[in-house]
Amino acid sequence: MNNTQQNNQNTQQNAGQQMQGQQMQGQQGQAMLSSKNLTILEDMMNYESLSYKKLDLYSQSFNDPQLKDVCSKAAQLHKQHFELLLNYLDSHNKPAQAQQQ
């Protein structure tokens, strides 16, 4: 077996082992989010919250009904995104809370 074939075989074995580890981790507790993922999720939620607040403020300050409507709809969209992220976080947190009790 030449070096290229051996490297390919080793790579495939490593990928298989990683997939098995991820499957086992998923079976043990799908609620586990890494600290990096939590940081990203927090950043996204902060962005959506800030966008909602700004657009809601803009919609209140405009006199033009079309601009009010555009900002209001965009604000609601960001509010929905925030709620989706919050629900995602909650869905990953509930099994961990159940295990602690």
N, C-alpha and C. Protein backbone atom coordinates (compact mmCIF):
# COMPACT_ATOMS: atom_id res chain seq x y z
N MET A 1 0.85 -1.16 0.00
CA MET A 1 0.00 0.00 0.00
C MET A 1 0.91 1.23 0.00
N ASN A 2 0.63 2.17 -0.90
CA ASN A 2 1.49 3.35 -0.94
C ASN A 2 1.02 4.39 0.09
N ASN A 3 1.82 5.44 0.27
CA ASN A 3 1.55 6.44 1.30
C ASN A 3 0.21 7.14 1.10
N THR A 4 -0.14 7.44 -0.14
CA THR A 4 -1.39 8.14 -0.43
C THR A 4 -2.59 7.28 -0.03
N GLN A 5 -2.56 6.00 -0.35
CA GLN A 5 -3.66 5.11 0.00
C GLN A 5 -3.75 4.96 1.52
N GLN A 6 -2.61 4.86 2.16
CA GLN A 6 -2.58 4.72 3.61
C GLN A 6 -3.12 5.98 4.29
N ASN A 7 -2.73 7.15 3.78
CA ASN A 7 -3.25 8.42 4.33
C ASN A 7 -4.75 8.53 4.15
N ASN A 8 -5.25 8.13 2.97
CA ASN A 8 -6.68 8.16 2.71
C ASN A 8 -7.42 7.23 3.67
N GLN A 9 -6.86 6.05 3.90
CA GLN A 9 -7.49 5.08 4.80
C GLN A 9 -7.50 5.63 6.23
N ASN A 10 -6.39 6.22 6.65
CA ASN A 10 -6.32 6.81 7.99
C ASN A 10 -7.32 7.96 8.14
N THR A 11 -7.44 8.77 7.10
CA THR A 11 -8.39 9.89 7.12
C THR A 11 -9.81 9.37 7.24
N GLN A 12 -10.15 8.31 6.49
CA GLN A 12 -11.48 7.75 6.56
C GLN A 12 -11.76 7.15 7.93
N GLN A 13 -10.77 6.49 8.52
CA GLN A 13 -10.94 5.92 9.85
C GLN A 13 -11.16 7.02 10.89
N ASN A 14 -10.38 8.09 10.78
CA ASN A 14 -10.53 9.21 11.72
C ASN A 14 -11.90 9.86 11.58
N ALA A 15 -12.35 10.03 10.36
CA ALA A 15 -13.68 10.63 10.13
C ALA A 15 -14.76 9.73 10.71
N GLY A 16 -14.61 8.42 10.54
CA GLY A 16 -15.58 7.48 11.09
C GLY A 16 -15.61 7.52 12.60
N GLN A 17 -14.43 7.62 13.21
CA GLN A 17 -14.36 7.70 14.67
C GLN A 17 -14.99 9.00 15.18
N GLN A 18 -14.76 10.10 14.47
CA GLN A 18 -15.35 11.37 14.86
C GLN A 18 -16.86 11.32 14.77
N MET A 19 -17.38 10.72 13.70
CA MET A 19 -18.83 10.61 13.53
C MET A 19 -19.42 9.76 14.64
N GLN A 20 -18.75 8.66 15.00
CA GLN A 20 -19.25 7.81 16.09
C GLN A 20 -19.25 8.58 17.40
N GLY A 21 -18.20 9.35 17.64
CA GLY A 21 -18.13 10.16 18.85
C GLY A 21 -19.23 11.20 18.91
N GLN A 22 -19.51 11.83 17.77
CA GLN A 22 -20.58 12.83 17.72
C GLN A 22 -21.93 12.18 17.92
N GLN A 23 -22.13 10.99 17.36
CA GLN A 23 -23.40 10.29 17.54
C GLN A 23 -23.59 9.90 18.99
N MET A 24 -22.52 9.42 19.63
CA MET A 24 -22.62 9.04 21.04
C MET A 24 -22.89 10.27 21.89
N GLN A 25 -22.21 11.36 21.58
CA GLN A 25 -22.43 12.60 22.33
C GLN A 25 -23.85 13.07 22.13
N GLY A 26 -24.37 12.97 20.91
CA GLY A 26 -25.75 13.37 20.63
C GLY A 26 -26.74 12.50 21.36
N GLN A 27 -26.43 11.20 21.49
CA GLN A 27 -27.33 10.30 22.20
C GLN A 27 -27.29 10.56 23.69
N GLN A 28 -26.13 10.90 24.22
CA GLN A 28 -25.99 11.12 25.65
C GLN A 28 -26.69 12.40 26.08
N GLY A 29 -26.60 13.43 25.29
CA GLY A 29 -27.22 14.70 25.67
C GLY A 29 -27.19 15.68 24.52
N GLN A 30 -28.28 15.77 23.82
CA GLN A 30 -28.33 16.70 22.69
C GLN A 30 -28.34 18.14 23.17
N ALA A 31 -28.47 18.33 24.46
CA ALA A 31 -28.56 19.67 25.01
C ALA A 31 -27.20 20.35 25.12
N MET A 32 -26.13 19.62 24.90
CA MET A 32 -24.81 20.19 25.10
C MET A 32 -24.45 21.15 23.96
N LEU A 33 -24.26 22.39 24.31
CA LEU A 33 -23.78 23.39 23.38
C LEU A 33 -22.39 23.81 23.85
N SER A 34 -21.47 23.89 22.92
CA SER A 34 -20.12 24.30 23.31
C SER A 34 -20.12 25.77 23.70
N SER A 35 -19.10 26.16 24.41
CA SER A 35 -19.02 27.56 24.84
C SER A 35 -18.89 28.48 23.62
N LYS A 36 -18.24 28.00 22.58
CA LYS A 36 -18.13 28.81 21.35
C LYS A 36 -19.51 29.01 20.73
N ASN A 37 -20.31 27.94 20.68
CA ASN A 37 -21.65 28.06 20.12
C ASN A 37 -22.54 28.95 20.98
N LEU A 38 -22.37 28.88 22.29
CA LEU A 38 -23.14 29.75 23.17
C LEU A 38 -22.76 31.21 22.96
N THR A 39 -21.49 31.47 22.75
CA THR A 39 -21.03 32.83 22.49
C THR A 39 -21.61 33.35 21.19
N ILE A 40 -21.60 32.51 20.17
CA ILE A 40 -22.16 32.90 18.88
C ILE A 40 -23.65 33.16 19.01
N LEU A 41 -24.34 32.28 19.72
CA LEU A 41 -25.78 32.43 19.94
C LEU A 41 -26.08 33.72 20.69
N GLU A 42 -25.27 34.02 21.70
CA GLU A 42 -25.46 35.26 22.46
C GLU A 42 -25.27 36.48 21.56
N ASP A 43 -24.24 36.45 20.73
CA ASP A 43 -23.99 37.56 19.80
C ASP A 43 -25.17 37.74 18.84
N MET A 44 -25.67 36.64 18.32
CA MET A 44 -26.80 36.71 17.39
C MET A 44 -28.05 37.27 18.07
N MET A 45 -28.28 36.83 19.30
CA MET A 45 -29.45 37.33 20.03
C MET A 45 -29.31 38.82 20.34
N ASN A 46 -28.11 39.26 20.69
CA ASN A 46 -27.88 40.68 20.94
C ASN A 46 -28.10 41.50 19.67
N TYR A 47 -27.62 40.98 18.54
CA TYR A 47 -27.80 41.66 17.26
C TYR A 47 -29.28 41.79 16.92
N GLU A 48 -30.02 40.70 17.07
CA GLU A 48 -31.45 40.73 16.73
C GLU A 48 -32.21 41.66 17.66
N SER A 49 -31.87 41.65 18.94
CA SER A 49 -32.54 42.52 19.91
C SER A 49 -32.27 43.99 19.59
N LEU A 50 -31.02 44.31 19.33
CA LEU A 50 -30.66 45.69 19.01
C LEU A 50 -31.34 46.14 17.71
N SER A 51 -31.36 45.27 16.70
CA SER A 51 -32.00 45.61 15.43
C SER A 51 -33.49 45.87 15.63
N TYR A 52 -34.13 45.01 16.44
CA TYR A 52 -35.55 45.20 16.71
C TYR A 52 -35.80 46.56 17.38
N LYS A 53 -35.01 46.86 18.41
CA LYS A 53 -35.20 48.10 19.16
C LYS A 53 -34.99 49.33 18.27
N LYS A 54 -33.96 49.30 17.44
CA LYS A 54 -33.68 50.43 16.56
C LYS A 54 -34.81 50.62 15.54
N LEU A 55 -35.20 49.53 14.90
CA LEU A 55 -36.23 49.64 13.87
C LEU A 55 -37.58 50.04 14.47
N ASP A 56 -37.87 49.57 15.67
CA ASP A 56 -39.10 49.96 16.33
C ASP A 56 -39.08 51.46 16.64
N LEU A 57 -37.94 51.96 17.09
CA LEU A 57 -37.79 53.39 17.36
C LEU A 57 -37.92 54.20 16.07
N TYR A 58 -37.30 53.71 15.00
CA TYR A 58 -37.40 54.40 13.71
C TYR A 58 -38.85 54.45 13.23
N SER A 59 -39.56 53.34 13.37
CA SER A 59 -40.94 53.30 12.89
C SER A 59 -41.81 54.30 13.66
N GLN A 60 -41.49 54.54 14.93
CA GLN A 60 -42.25 55.51 15.72
C GLN A 60 -41.91 56.95 15.36
N SER A 61 -40.69 57.16 14.85
CA SER A 61 -40.26 58.53 14.58
C SER A 61 -40.60 59.01 13.17
N PHE A 62 -40.89 58.11 12.24
CA PHE A 62 -41.21 58.52 10.88
C PHE A 62 -42.65 59.02 10.76
N ASN A 63 -42.84 60.00 9.91
CA ASN A 63 -44.17 60.50 9.62
C ASN A 63 -44.75 59.84 8.37
N ASP A 64 -43.88 59.45 7.47
CA ASP A 64 -44.32 58.80 6.22
C ASP A 64 -44.86 57.40 6.54
N PRO A 65 -46.12 57.13 6.19
CA PRO A 65 -46.71 55.82 6.52
C PRO A 65 -45.97 54.64 5.88
N GLN A 66 -45.42 54.84 4.69
CA GLN A 66 -44.70 53.75 4.04
C GLN A 66 -43.41 53.41 4.79
N LEU A 67 -42.70 54.44 5.21
CA LEU A 67 -41.47 54.21 5.98
C LEU A 67 -41.80 53.57 7.34
N LYS A 68 -42.87 54.04 7.97
CA LYS A 68 -43.30 53.45 9.23
C LYS A 68 -43.57 51.96 9.05
N ASP A 69 -44.28 51.63 7.98
CA ASP A 69 -44.65 50.25 7.72
C ASP A 69 -43.43 49.37 7.45
N VAL A 70 -42.50 49.87 6.65
CA VAL A 70 -41.29 49.11 6.34
C VAL A 70 -40.48 48.84 7.62
N CYS A 71 -40.30 49.86 8.42
CA CYS A 71 -39.53 49.70 9.66
C CYS A 71 -40.25 48.80 10.65
N SER A 72 -41.56 48.94 10.72
CA SER A 72 -42.34 48.10 11.63
C SER A 72 -42.25 46.63 11.25
N LYS A 73 -42.37 46.35 9.94
CA LYS A 73 -42.27 44.97 9.48
C LYS A 73 -40.87 44.41 9.71
N ALA A 74 -39.86 45.21 9.47
CA ALA A 74 -38.48 44.76 9.69
C ALA A 74 -38.24 44.52 11.18
N ALA A 75 -38.81 45.38 12.04
CA ALA A 75 -38.67 45.20 13.48
C ALA A 75 -39.31 43.89 13.91
N GLN A 76 -40.48 43.59 13.40
CA GLN A 76 -41.16 42.35 13.75
C GLN A 76 -40.37 41.13 13.28
N LEU A 77 -39.74 41.25 12.13
CA LEU A 77 -38.92 40.15 11.62
C LEU A 77 -37.74 39.87 12.55
N HIS A 78 -37.09 40.92 13.02
CA HIS A 78 -35.97 40.74 13.96
C HIS A 78 -36.46 40.20 15.30
N LYS A 79 -37.65 40.61 15.71
CA LYS A 79 -38.22 40.08 16.95
C LYS A 79 -38.48 38.58 16.81
N GLN A 80 -38.99 38.16 15.65
CA GLN A 80 -39.23 36.73 15.40
C GLN A 80 -37.91 35.96 15.41
N HIS A 81 -36.88 36.53 14.80
CA HIS A 81 -35.57 35.87 14.78
C HIS A 81 -35.05 35.69 16.20
N PHE A 82 -35.20 36.75 17.02
CA PHE A 82 -34.77 36.66 18.42
C PHE A 82 -35.51 35.55 19.14
N GLU A 83 -36.81 35.48 18.94
CA GLU A 83 -37.62 34.45 19.61
C GLU A 83 -37.25 33.05 19.13
N LEU A 84 -36.92 32.90 17.84
CA LEU A 84 -36.46 31.61 17.34
C LEU A 84 -35.15 31.19 18.01
N LEU A 85 -34.24 32.12 18.13
CA LEU A 85 -32.96 31.83 18.79
C LEU A 85 -33.18 31.49 20.26
N LEU A 86 -34.08 32.20 20.92
CA LEU A 86 -34.38 31.93 22.32
C LEU A 86 -35.00 30.54 22.48
N ASN A 87 -35.91 30.19 21.58
CA ASN A 87 -36.52 28.86 21.62
C ASN A 87 -35.49 27.77 21.38
N TYR A 88 -34.54 28.03 20.48
CA TYR A 88 -33.46 27.08 20.21
C TYR A 88 -32.63 26.87 21.47
N LEU A 89 -32.29 27.97 22.12
CA LEU A 89 -31.52 27.90 23.36
C LEU A 89 -32.29 27.14 24.43
N ASP A 90 -33.56 27.46 24.57
CA ASP A 90 -34.40 26.78 25.56
C ASP A 90 -34.50 25.28 25.28
N SER A 91 -34.62 24.91 24.01
CA SER A 91 -34.76 23.49 23.68
C SER A 91 -33.50 22.70 24.02
N HIS A 92 -32.35 23.36 24.00
CA HIS A 92 -31.11 22.70 24.36
C HIS A 92 -30.83 22.77 25.86
N ASN A 93 -31.55 23.62 26.55
CA ASN A 93 -31.34 23.79 27.98
C ASN A 93 -32.27 22.93 28.81
N LYS A 94 -33.43 22.60 28.29
CA LYS A 94 -34.44 21.85 29.07
C LYS A 94 -33.95 20.47 29.51
N PRO A 95 -33.33 19.66 28.62
CA PRO A 95 -32.86 18.34 29.11
C PRO A 95 -31.82 18.48 30.21
N ALA A 96 -30.97 19.48 30.15
CA ALA A 96 -29.96 19.68 31.18
C ALA A 96 -30.62 20.07 32.49
N GLN A 97 -31.68 20.86 32.44
CA GLN A 97 -32.40 21.24 33.65
C GLN A 97 -33.09 20.02 34.25
N ALA A 98 -33.62 19.14 33.41
CA ALA A 98 -34.31 17.94 33.89
C ALA A 98 -33.32 16.99 34.58
N GLN A 99 -32.08 16.93 34.08
CA GLN A 99 -31.08 16.05 34.68
C GLN A 99 -30.65 16.56 36.05
N GLN A 100 -30.66 17.87 36.24
CA GLN A 100 -30.20 18.45 37.51
C GLN A 100 -31.21 18.21 38.63
N GLN A 101 -32.47 18.02 38.30
CA GLN A 101 -33.50 17.86 39.33
C GLN A 101 -33.58 16.49 39.87
